PDB file of all heavy atoms in Angstrom:
ATOM      1  N   GLN A   1      49.987  85.492  55.870  1.00  0.00           N
ATOM      2  CA  GLN A   1      50.711  86.303  56.850  1.00  0.00           C
ATOM      3  C   GLN A   1      51.558  87.373  56.170  1.00  0.00           C
ATOM      4  O   GLN A   1      51.649  88.512  56.644  1.00  0.00           O
ATOM      5  CB  GLN A   1      51.584  85.397  57.715  1.00  0.00           C
ATOM      6  CG  GLN A   1      50.789  84.421  58.565  1.00  0.00           C
ATOM      7  CD  GLN A   1      51.675  83.425  59.291  1.00  0.00           C
ATOM      8  OE1 GLN A   1      52.889  83.446  59.130  1.00  0.00           O
ATOM      9  NE2 GLN A   1      51.062  82.545  60.085  1.00  0.00           N
ATOM     10  N   LEU A   2      52.174  86.986  55.036  1.00  0.00           N
ATOM     11  CA  LEU A   2      52.966  87.976  54.299  1.00  0.00           C
ATOM     12  C   LEU A   2      52.082  89.108  53.787  1.00  0.00           C
ATOM     13  O   LEU A   2      52.484  90.284  53.826  1.00  0.00           O
ATOM     14  CB  LEU A   2      53.674  87.286  53.131  1.00  0.00           C
ATOM     15  CG  LEU A   2      54.483  88.197  52.190  1.00  0.00           C
ATOM     16  CD1 LEU A   2      55.596  88.897  52.955  1.00  0.00           C
ATOM     17  CD2 LEU A   2      55.046  87.399  51.028  1.00  0.00           C
ATOM     18  N   ASN A   3      50.876  88.764  53.323  1.00  0.00           N
ATOM     19  CA  ASN A   3      49.966  89.808  52.860  1.00  0.00           C
ATOM     20  C   ASN A   3      49.590  90.757  53.985  1.00  0.00           C
ATOM     21  O   ASN A   3      49.505  91.979  53.782  1.00  0.00           O
ATOM     22  CB  ASN A   3      48.709  89.166  52.264  1.00  0.00           C
ATOM     23  CG  ASN A   3      48.986  88.423  50.971  1.00  0.00           C
ATOM     24  OD1 ASN A   3      49.967  88.708  50.291  1.00  0.00           O
ATOM     25  ND2 ASN A   3      48.136  87.470  50.636  1.00  0.00           N
ATOM     26  N   GLN A   4      49.362  90.198  55.177  1.00  0.00           N
ATOM     27  CA  GLN A   4      49.017  91.052  56.307  1.00  0.00           C
ATOM     28  C   GLN A   4      50.176  91.971  56.689  1.00  0.00           C
ATOM     29  O   GLN A   4      49.986  93.169  56.942  1.00  0.00           O
ATOM     30  CB  GLN A   4      48.608  90.181  57.492  1.00  0.00           C
ATOM     31  CG  GLN A   4      47.326  89.379  57.264  1.00  0.00           C
ATOM     32  CD  GLN A   4      47.000  88.460  58.422  1.00  0.00           C
ATOM     33  OE1 GLN A   4      47.707  88.466  59.434  1.00  0.00           O
ATOM     34  NE2 GLN A   4      45.950  87.652  58.277  1.00  0.00           N
ATOM     35  N   ILE A   5      51.395  91.374  56.717  1.00  0.00           N
ATOM     36  CA  ILE A   5      52.558  92.205  57.054  1.00  0.00           C
ATOM     37  C   ILE A   5      52.785  93.266  55.985  1.00  0.00           C
ATOM     38  O   ILE A   5      53.117  94.428  56.282  1.00  0.00           O
ATOM     39  CB  ILE A   5      53.806  91.324  57.232  1.00  0.00           C
ATOM     40  CG1 ILE A   5      53.624  90.377  58.429  1.00  0.00           C
ATOM     41  CG2 ILE A   5      55.050  92.170  57.422  1.00  0.00           C
ATOM     42  CD1 ILE A   5      54.760  89.399  58.599  1.00  0.00           C
ATOM     43  N   SER A   6      52.614  92.868  54.710  1.00  0.00           N
ATOM     44  CA  SER A   6      52.789  93.837  53.630  1.00  0.00           C
ATOM     45  C   SER A   6      51.767  94.956  53.739  1.00  0.00           C
ATOM     46  O   SER A   6      52.081  96.129  53.505  1.00  0.00           O
ATOM     47  CB  SER A   6      52.649  93.128  52.277  1.00  0.00           C
ATOM     48  OG  SER A   6      53.632  92.132  52.129  1.00  0.00           O
ATOM     49  N   HIS A   7      50.536  94.594  54.105  1.00  0.00           N
ATOM     50  CA  HIS A   7      49.505  95.623  54.262  1.00  0.00           C
ATOM     51  C   HIS A   7      49.855  96.589  55.382  1.00  0.00           C
ATOM     52  O   HIS A   7      49.726  97.821  55.239  1.00  0.00           O
ATOM     53  CB  HIS A   7      48.156  94.953  54.528  1.00  0.00           C
ATOM     54  CG  HIS A   7      47.038  95.914  54.766  1.00  0.00           C
ATOM     55  ND1 HIS A   7      46.576  96.214  56.033  1.00  0.00           N
ATOM     56  CD2 HIS A   7      46.309  96.670  53.897  1.00  0.00           C
ATOM     57  CE1 HIS A   7      45.603  97.101  55.939  1.00  0.00           C
ATOM     58  NE2 HIS A   7      45.404  97.384  54.652  1.00  0.00           N
ATOM     59  N   LEU A   8      50.308  96.056  56.504  1.00  0.00           N
ATOM     60  CA  LEU A   8      50.718  96.928  57.611  1.00  0.00           C
ATOM     61  C   LEU A   8      51.886  97.816  57.209  1.00  0.00           C
ATOM     62  O   LEU A   8      51.959  98.985  57.594  1.00  0.00           O
ATOM     63  CB  LEU A   8      51.082  96.077  58.832  1.00  0.00           C
ATOM     64  CG  LEU A   8      49.929  95.288  59.470  1.00  0.00           C
ATOM     65  CD1 LEU A   8      50.452  94.419  60.609  1.00  0.00           C
ATOM     66  CD2 LEU A   8      48.853  96.233  59.986  1.00  0.00           C
ATOM     67  N   SER A   9      52.799  97.259  56.421  1.00  0.00           N
ATOM     68  CA  SER A   9      53.935  98.051  55.966  1.00  0.00           C
ATOM     69  C   SER A   9      53.480  99.176  55.047  1.00  0.00           C
ATOM     70  O   SER A   9      53.980 100.312  55.129  1.00  0.00           O
ATOM     71  CB  SER A   9      54.938  97.151  55.241  1.00  0.00           C
ATOM     72  OG  SER A   9      56.015  97.907  54.721  1.00  0.00           O
ATOM     73  N   ARG A  10      52.504  98.887  54.169  1.00  0.00           N
ATOM     74  CA  ARG A  10      51.997  99.942  53.286  1.00  0.00           C
ATOM     75  C   ARG A  10      51.299 101.027  54.079  1.00  0.00           C
ATOM     76  O   ARG A  10      51.455 102.224  53.799  1.00  0.00           O
ATOM     77  CB  ARG A  10      51.029  99.330  52.262  1.00  0.00           C
ATOM     78  CG  ARG A  10      51.688  98.420  51.260  1.00  0.00           C
ATOM     79  CD  ARG A  10      50.777  98.184  50.058  1.00  0.00           C
ATOM     80  NE  ARG A  10      49.550  97.506  50.412  1.00  0.00           N
ATOM     81  CZ  ARG A  10      49.401  96.188  50.428  1.00  0.00           C
ATOM     82  NH1 ARG A  10      50.427  95.400  50.131  1.00  0.00           N
ATOM     83  NH2 ARG A  10      48.241  95.635  50.727  1.00  0.00           N
ATOM     84  N   VAL A  11      50.519 100.610  55.089  1.00  0.00           N
ATOM     85  CA  VAL A  11      49.837 101.591  55.929  1.00  0.00           C
ATOM     86  C   VAL A  11      50.857 102.473  56.643  1.00  0.00           C
ATOM     87  O   VAL A  11      50.689 103.706  56.745  1.00  0.00           O
ATOM     88  CB  VAL A  11      48.910 100.886  56.940  1.00  0.00           C
ATOM     89  CG1 VAL A  11      48.354 101.873  57.949  1.00  0.00           C
ATOM     90  CG2 VAL A  11      47.774 100.182  56.206  1.00  0.00           C
ATOM     91  N   ALA A  12      51.951 101.847  57.132  1.00  0.00           N
ATOM     92  CA  ALA A  12      52.982 102.640  57.813  1.00  0.00           C
ATOM     93  C   ALA A  12      53.647 103.625  56.858  1.00  0.00           C
ATOM     94  O   ALA A  12      53.909 104.782  57.210  1.00  0.00           O
ATOM     95  CB  ALA A  12      54.020 101.703  58.420  1.00  0.00           C
ATOM     96  N   MET A  13      53.928 103.191  55.639  1.00  0.00           N
ATOM     97  CA  MET A  13      54.547 104.091  54.658  1.00  0.00           C
ATOM     98  C   MET A  13      53.614 105.242  54.297  1.00  0.00           C
ATOM     99  O   MET A  13      54.039 106.395  54.177  1.00  0.00           O
ATOM    100  CB  MET A  13      54.924 103.307  53.404  1.00  0.00           C
ATOM    101  CG  MET A  13      56.162 102.456  53.543  1.00  0.00           C
ATOM    102  SD  MET A  13      56.734 101.834  51.950  1.00  0.00           S
ATOM    103  CE  MET A  13      55.306 100.886  51.431  1.00  0.00           C
ATOM    104  N   LEU A  14      52.331 104.918  54.119  1.00  0.00           N
ATOM    105  CA  LEU A  14      51.381 105.977  53.790  1.00  0.00           C
ATOM    106  C   LEU A  14      51.206 106.938  54.957  1.00  0.00           C
ATOM    107  O   LEU A  14      50.902 108.130  54.751  1.00  0.00           O
ATOM    108  CB  LEU A  14      50.036 105.369  53.405  1.00  0.00           C
ATOM    109  CG  LEU A  14      50.053 104.555  52.101  1.00  0.00           C
ATOM    110  CD1 LEU A  14      48.699 103.893  51.866  1.00  0.00           C
ATOM    111  CD2 LEU A  14      50.411 105.453  50.925  1.00  0.00           C
ATOM    112  N   GLY A  15      51.399 106.427  56.184  1.00  0.00           N
ATOM    113  CA  GLY A  15      51.382 107.331  57.324  1.00  0.00           C
ATOM    114  C   GLY A  15      52.511 108.350  57.251  1.00  0.00           C
ATOM    115  O   GLY A  15      52.339 109.521  57.604  1.00  0.00           O
ATOM    116  N   GLU A  16      53.701 107.877  56.786  1.00  0.00           N
ATOM    117  CA  GLU A  16      54.808 108.805  56.620  1.00  0.00           C
ATOM    118  C   GLU A  16      54.505 109.839  55.533  1.00  0.00           C
ATOM    119  O   GLU A  16      55.007 110.969  55.578  1.00  0.00           O
ATOM    120  CB  GLU A  16      56.077 108.028  56.249  1.00  0.00           C
ATOM    121  CG  GLU A  16      56.542 107.061  57.325  1.00  0.00           C
ATOM    122  CD  GLU A  16      57.798 106.321  56.904  1.00  0.00           C
ATOM    123  OE1 GLU A  16      58.447 106.767  55.932  1.00  0.00           O
ATOM    124  OE2 GLU A  16      58.127 105.302  57.532  1.00  0.00           O
ATOM    125  N   LEU A  17      53.689 109.471  54.555  1.00  0.00           N
ATOM    126  CA  LEU A  17      53.364 110.374  53.444  1.00  0.00           C
ATOM    127  C   LEU A  17      52.080 111.164  53.682  1.00  0.00           C
ATOM    128  O   LEU A  17      51.591 111.835  52.756  1.00  0.00           O
ATOM    129  CB  LEU A  17      53.210 109.571  52.147  1.00  0.00           C
ATOM    130  CG  LEU A  17      54.457 108.876  51.609  1.00  0.00           C
ATOM    131  CD1 LEU A  17      54.089 108.010  50.410  1.00  0.00           C
ATOM    132  CD2 LEU A  17      55.507 109.898  51.215  1.00  0.00           C
ATOM    133  N   SER A  18      51.524 111.061  54.874  1.00  0.00           N
ATOM    134  CA  SER A  18      50.217 111.678  55.100  1.00  0.00           C
ATOM    135  C   SER A  18      50.229 113.175  54.837  1.00  0.00           C
ATOM    136  O   SER A  18      49.306 113.722  54.219  1.00  0.00           O
ATOM    137  CB  SER A  18      49.753 111.402  56.539  1.00  0.00           C
ATOM    138  OG  SER A  18      50.729 111.901  57.465  1.00  0.00           O
ATOM    139  N   GLY A  19      51.275 113.889  55.272  1.00  0.00           N
ATOM    140  CA  GLY A  19      51.335 115.340  55.040  1.00  0.00           C
ATOM    141  C   GLY A  19      51.416 115.668  53.566  1.00  0.00           C
ATOM    142  O   GLY A  19      50.695 116.540  53.063  1.00  0.00           O
ATOM    143  N   ALA A  20      52.293 114.944  52.861  1.00  0.00           N
ATOM    144  CA  ALA A  20      52.429 115.204  51.428  1.00  0.00           C
ATOM    145  C   ALA A  20      51.159 114.824  50.689  1.00  0.00           C
ATOM    146  O   ALA A  20      50.751 115.505  49.732  1.00  0.00           O
ATOM    147  CB  ALA A  20      53.612 114.411  50.874  1.00  0.00           C
ATOM    148  N   LEU A  21      50.489 113.745  51.111  1.00  0.00           N
ATOM    149  CA  LEU A  21      49.257 113.343  50.444  1.00  0.00           C
ATOM    150  C   LEU A  21      48.138 114.351  50.707  1.00  0.00           C
ATOM    151  O   LEU A  21      47.316 114.623  49.817  1.00  0.00           O
ATOM    152  CB  LEU A  21      48.832 111.953  50.932  1.00  0.00           C
ATOM    153  CG  LEU A  21      49.758 110.800  50.530  1.00  0.00           C
ATOM    154  CD1 LEU A  21      49.315 109.510  51.191  1.00  0.00           C
ATOM    155  CD2 LEU A  21      49.764 110.632  49.010  1.00  0.00           C
ATOM    156  N   ALA A  22      48.106 114.907  51.929  1.00  0.00           N
ATOM    157  CA  ALA A  22      47.112 115.955  52.210  1.00  0.00           C
ATOM    158  C   ALA A  22      47.329 117.168  51.314  1.00  0.00           C
ATOM    159  O   ALA A  22      46.382 117.764  50.790  1.00  0.00           O
ATOM    160  CB  ALA A  22      47.186 116.362  53.686  1.00  0.00           C
ATOM    161  N   HIS A  23      48.599 117.518  51.117  1.00  0.00           N
ATOM    162  CA  HIS A  23      48.905 118.622  50.213  1.00  0.00           C
ATOM    163  C   HIS A  23      48.536 118.264  48.774  1.00  0.00           C
ATOM    164  O   HIS A  23      48.022 119.101  48.014  1.00  0.00           O
ATOM    165  CB  HIS A  23      50.392 118.967  50.302  1.00  0.00           C
ATOM    166  CG  HIS A  23      50.807 120.054  49.362  1.00  0.00           C
ATOM    167  ND1 HIS A  23      50.425 121.376  49.522  1.00  0.00           N
ATOM    168  CD2 HIS A  23      51.567 120.018  48.225  1.00  0.00           C
ATOM    169  CE1 HIS A  23      50.932 122.111  48.536  1.00  0.00           C
ATOM    170  NE2 HIS A  23      51.629 121.286  47.737  1.00  0.00           N
ATOM    171  N   GLU A  24      48.773 117.007  48.394  1.00  0.00           N
ATOM    172  CA  GLU A  24      48.454 116.567  47.046  1.00  0.00           C
ATOM    173  C   GLU A  24      46.956 116.630  46.788  1.00  0.00           C
ATOM    174  O   GLU A  24      46.517 116.961  45.679  1.00  0.00           O
ATOM    175  CB  GLU A  24      48.949 115.129  46.852  1.00  0.00           C
ATOM    176  CG  GLU A  24      48.857 114.616  45.427  1.00  0.00           C
ATOM    177  CD  GLU A  24      49.963 115.173  44.534  1.00  0.00           C
ATOM    178  OE1 GLU A  24      50.944 115.743  45.070  1.00  0.00           O
ATOM    179  OE2 GLU A  24      49.828 115.043  43.309  1.00  0.00           O
ATOM    180  N   LEU A  25      46.138 116.348  47.810  1.00  0.00           N
ATOM    181  CA  LEU A  25      44.686 116.424  47.654  1.00  0.00           C
ATOM    182  C   LEU A  25      44.163 117.845  47.785  1.00  0.00           C
ATOM    183  O   LEU A  25      43.147 118.207  47.179  1.00  0.00           O
ATOM    184  CB  LEU A  25      44.006 115.528  48.708  1.00  0.00           C
ATOM    185  CG  LEU A  25      44.057 114.019  48.464  1.00  0.00           C
ATOM    186  CD1 LEU A  25      43.493 113.264  49.660  1.00  0.00           C
ATOM    187  CD2 LEU A  25      43.266 113.659  47.212  1.00  0.00           C
ATOM    188  N   SER A  26      44.840 118.669  48.594  1.00  0.00           N
ATOM    189  CA  SER A  26      44.351 120.042  48.799  1.00  0.00           C
ATOM    190  C   SER A  26      44.435 120.868  47.527  1.00  0.00           C
ATOM    191  O   SER A  26      43.614 121.768  47.310  1.00  0.00           O
ATOM    192  CB  SER A  26      45.138 120.724  49.915  1.00  0.00           C
ATOM    193  OG  SER A  26      46.505 120.908  49.528  1.00  0.00           O
ATOM    194  N   GLN A  27      45.395 120.609  46.676  1.00  0.00           N
ATOM    195  CA  GLN A  27      45.537 121.386  45.449  1.00  0.00           C
ATOM    196  C   GLN A  27      44.339 121.232  44.524  1.00  0.00           C
ATOM    197  O   GLN A  27      43.738 122.237  44.120  1.00  0.00           O
ATOM    198  CB  GLN A  27      46.830 120.995  44.737  1.00  0.00           C
ATOM    199  CG  GLN A  27      48.074 121.462  45.471  1.00  0.00           C
ATOM    200  CD  GLN A  27      49.344 121.070  44.726  1.00  0.00           C
ATOM    201  OE1 GLN A  27      49.307 120.275  43.793  1.00  0.00           O
ATOM    202  NE2 GLN A  27      50.468 121.624  45.161  1.00  0.00           N
ATOM    203  N   PRO A  28      43.935 120.031  44.141  1.00  0.00           N
ATOM    204  CA  PRO A  28      42.740 119.948  43.277  1.00  0.00           C
ATOM    205  C   PRO A  28      41.475 120.400  43.977  1.00  0.00           C
ATOM    206  O   PRO A  28      40.583 120.977  43.344  1.00  0.00           O
ATOM    207  CB  PRO A  28      42.678 118.466  42.911  1.00  0.00           C
ATOM    208  CG  PRO A  28      43.471 117.762  43.952  1.00  0.00           C
ATOM    209  CD  PRO A  28      44.537 118.716  44.369  1.00  0.00           C
ATOM    210  N   LEU A  29      41.365 120.160  45.289  1.00  0.00           N
ATOM    211  CA  LEU A  29      40.169 120.608  46.001  1.00  0.00           C
ATOM    212  C   LEU A  29      40.094 122.127  46.033  1.00  0.00           C
ATOM    213  O   LEU A  29      39.013 122.725  45.870  1.00  0.00           O
ATOM    214  CB  LEU A  29      40.164 120.035  47.421  1.00  0.00           C
ATOM    215  CG  LEU A  29      39.993 118.508  47.531  1.00  0.00           C
ATOM    216  CD1 LEU A  29      40.084 118.060  48.980  1.00  0.00           C
ATOM    217  CD2 LEU A  29      38.667 118.066  46.922  1.00  0.00           C
ATOM    218  N   THR A  30      41.228 122.802  46.254  1.00  0.00           N
ATOM    219  CA  THR A  30      41.255 124.270  46.243  1.00  0.00           C
ATOM    220  C   THR A  30      40.903 124.801  44.864  1.00  0.00           C
ATOM    221  O   THR A  30      40.158 125.781  44.712  1.00  0.00           O
ATOM    222  CB  THR A  30      42.643 124.776  46.661  1.00  0.00           C
ATOM    223  OG1 THR A  30      42.941 124.280  47.978  1.00  0.00           O
ATOM    224  CG2 THR A  30      42.694 126.292  46.665  1.00  0.00           C
ATOM    225  N   ALA A  31      41.453 124.115  43.828  1.00  0.00           N
ATOM    226  CA  ALA A  31      41.143 124.557  42.466  1.00  0.00           C
ATOM    227  C   ALA A  31      39.666 124.364  42.165  1.00  0.00           C
ATOM    228  O   ALA A  31      39.040 125.212  41.497  1.00  0.00           O
ATOM    229  CB  ALA A  31      42.002 123.773  41.469  1.00  0.00           C
ATOM    230  N   ILE A  32      39.082 123.281  42.641  1.00  0.00           N
ATOM    231  CA  ILE A  32      37.653 123.045  42.428  1.00  0.00           C
ATOM    232  C   ILE A  32      36.824 124.137  43.105  1.00  0.00           C
ATOM    233  O   ILE A  32      35.850 124.659  42.542  1.00  0.00           O
ATOM    234  CB  ILE A  32      37.254 121.650  42.947  1.00  0.00           C
ATOM    235  CG1 ILE A  32      37.870 120.566  42.052  1.00  0.00           C
ATOM    236  CG2 ILE A  32      35.739 121.486  43.010  1.00  0.00           C
ATOM    237  CD1 ILE A  32      37.696 119.171  42.593  1.00  0.00           C
ATOM    238  N   LEU A  33      37.201 124.492  44.361  1.00  0.00           N
ATOM    239  CA  LEU A  33      36.479 125.532  45.088  1.00  0.00           C
ATOM    240  C   LEU A  33      36.571 126.880  44.376  1.00  0.00           C
ATOM    241  O   LEU A  33      35.564 127.600  44.226  1.00  0.00           O
ATOM    242  CB  LEU A  33      37.038 125.641  46.505  1.00  0.00           C
ATOM    243  CG  LEU A  33      36.408 126.744  47.391  1.00  0.00           C
ATOM    244  CD1 LEU A  33      34.894 126.486  47.569  1.00  0.00           C
ATOM    245  CD2 LEU A  33      37.107 126.793  48.749  1.00  0.00           C
ATOM    246  N   ALA A  34      37.787 127.228  43.915  1.00  0.00           N
ATOM    247  CA  ALA A  34      37.959 128.521  43.230  1.00  0.00           C
ATOM    248  C   ALA A  34      37.157 128.564  41.940  1.00  0.00           C
ATOM    249  O   ALA A  34      36.517 129.589  41.616  1.00  0.00           O
ATOM    250  CB  ALA A  34      39.443 128.757  42.936  1.00  0.00           C
ATOM    251  N   ASN A  35      37.160 127.490  41.175  1.00  0.00           N
ATOM    252  CA  ASN A  35      36.401 127.459  39.932  1.00  0.00           C
ATOM    253  C   ASN A  35      34.900 127.518  40.192  1.00  0.00           C
ATOM    254  O   ASN A  35      34.135 128.141  39.413  1.00  0.00           O
ATOM    255  CB  ASN A  35      36.740 126.203  39.143  1.00  0.00           C
ATOM    256  CG  ASN A  35      38.115 126.284  38.507  1.00  0.00           C
ATOM    257  OD1 ASN A  35      38.526 127.349  38.043  1.00  0.00           O
ATOM    258  ND2 ASN A  35      38.836 125.144  38.465  1.00  0.00           N
ATOM    259  N   ALA A  36      34.446 126.872  41.253  1.00  0.00           N
ATOM    260  CA  ALA A  36      33.020 126.929  41.586  1.00  0.00           C
ATOM    261  C   ALA A  36      32.590 128.340  41.963  1.00  0.00           C
ATOM    262  O   ALA A  36      31.512 128.816  41.571  1.00  0.00           O
ATOM    263  CB  ALA A  36      32.717 125.950  42.727  1.00  0.00           C
ATOM    264  N   GLN A  37      33.424 129.025  42.763  1.00  0.00           N
ATOM    265  CA  GLN A  37      33.109 130.406  43.138  1.00  0.00           C
ATOM    266  C   GLN A  37      33.091 131.319  41.911  1.00  0.00           C
ATOM    267  O   GLN A  37      32.224 132.200  41.771  1.00  0.00           O
ATOM    268  CB  GLN A  37      34.129 130.910  44.160  1.00  0.00           C
ATOM    269  CG  GLN A  37      33.992 130.211  45.511  1.00  0.00           C
ATOM    270  CD  GLN A  37      35.109 130.598  46.471  1.00  0.00           C
ATOM    271  OE1 GLN A  37      36.138 131.167  46.056  1.00  0.00           O
ATOM    272  NE2 GLN A  37      34.917 130.272  47.752  1.00  0.00           N
ATOM    273  N   ALA A  38      34.066 131.105  41.009  1.00  0.00           N
ATOM    274  CA  ALA A  38      34.098 131.927  39.793  1.00  0.00           C
ATOM    275  C   ALA A  38      32.867 131.657  38.939  1.00  0.00           C
ATOM    276  O   ALA A  38      32.289 132.581  38.327  1.00  0.00           O
ATOM    277  CB  ALA A  38      35.361 131.629  38.997  1.00  0.00           C
ATOM    278  N   ALA A  39      32.451 130.408  38.857  1.00  0.00           N
ATOM    279  CA  ALA A  39      31.266 130.089  38.079  1.00  0.00           C
ATOM    280  C   ALA A  39      30.030 130.763  38.643  1.00  0.00           C
ATOM    281  O   ALA A  39      29.139 131.219  37.898  1.00  0.00           O
ATOM    282  CB  ALA A  39      31.077 128.570  38.044  1.00  0.00           C
TER     283      ALA A  39
END
């Protein structure tokens, strides 16, 4: 039960970080796209 509650708590925390995580992923993806176009 503690593992389940901990998992739900982690999911809730990551939900709060969803915007920042999207930004964190967009940077390498944008860099990959720019490098591919340059290539």
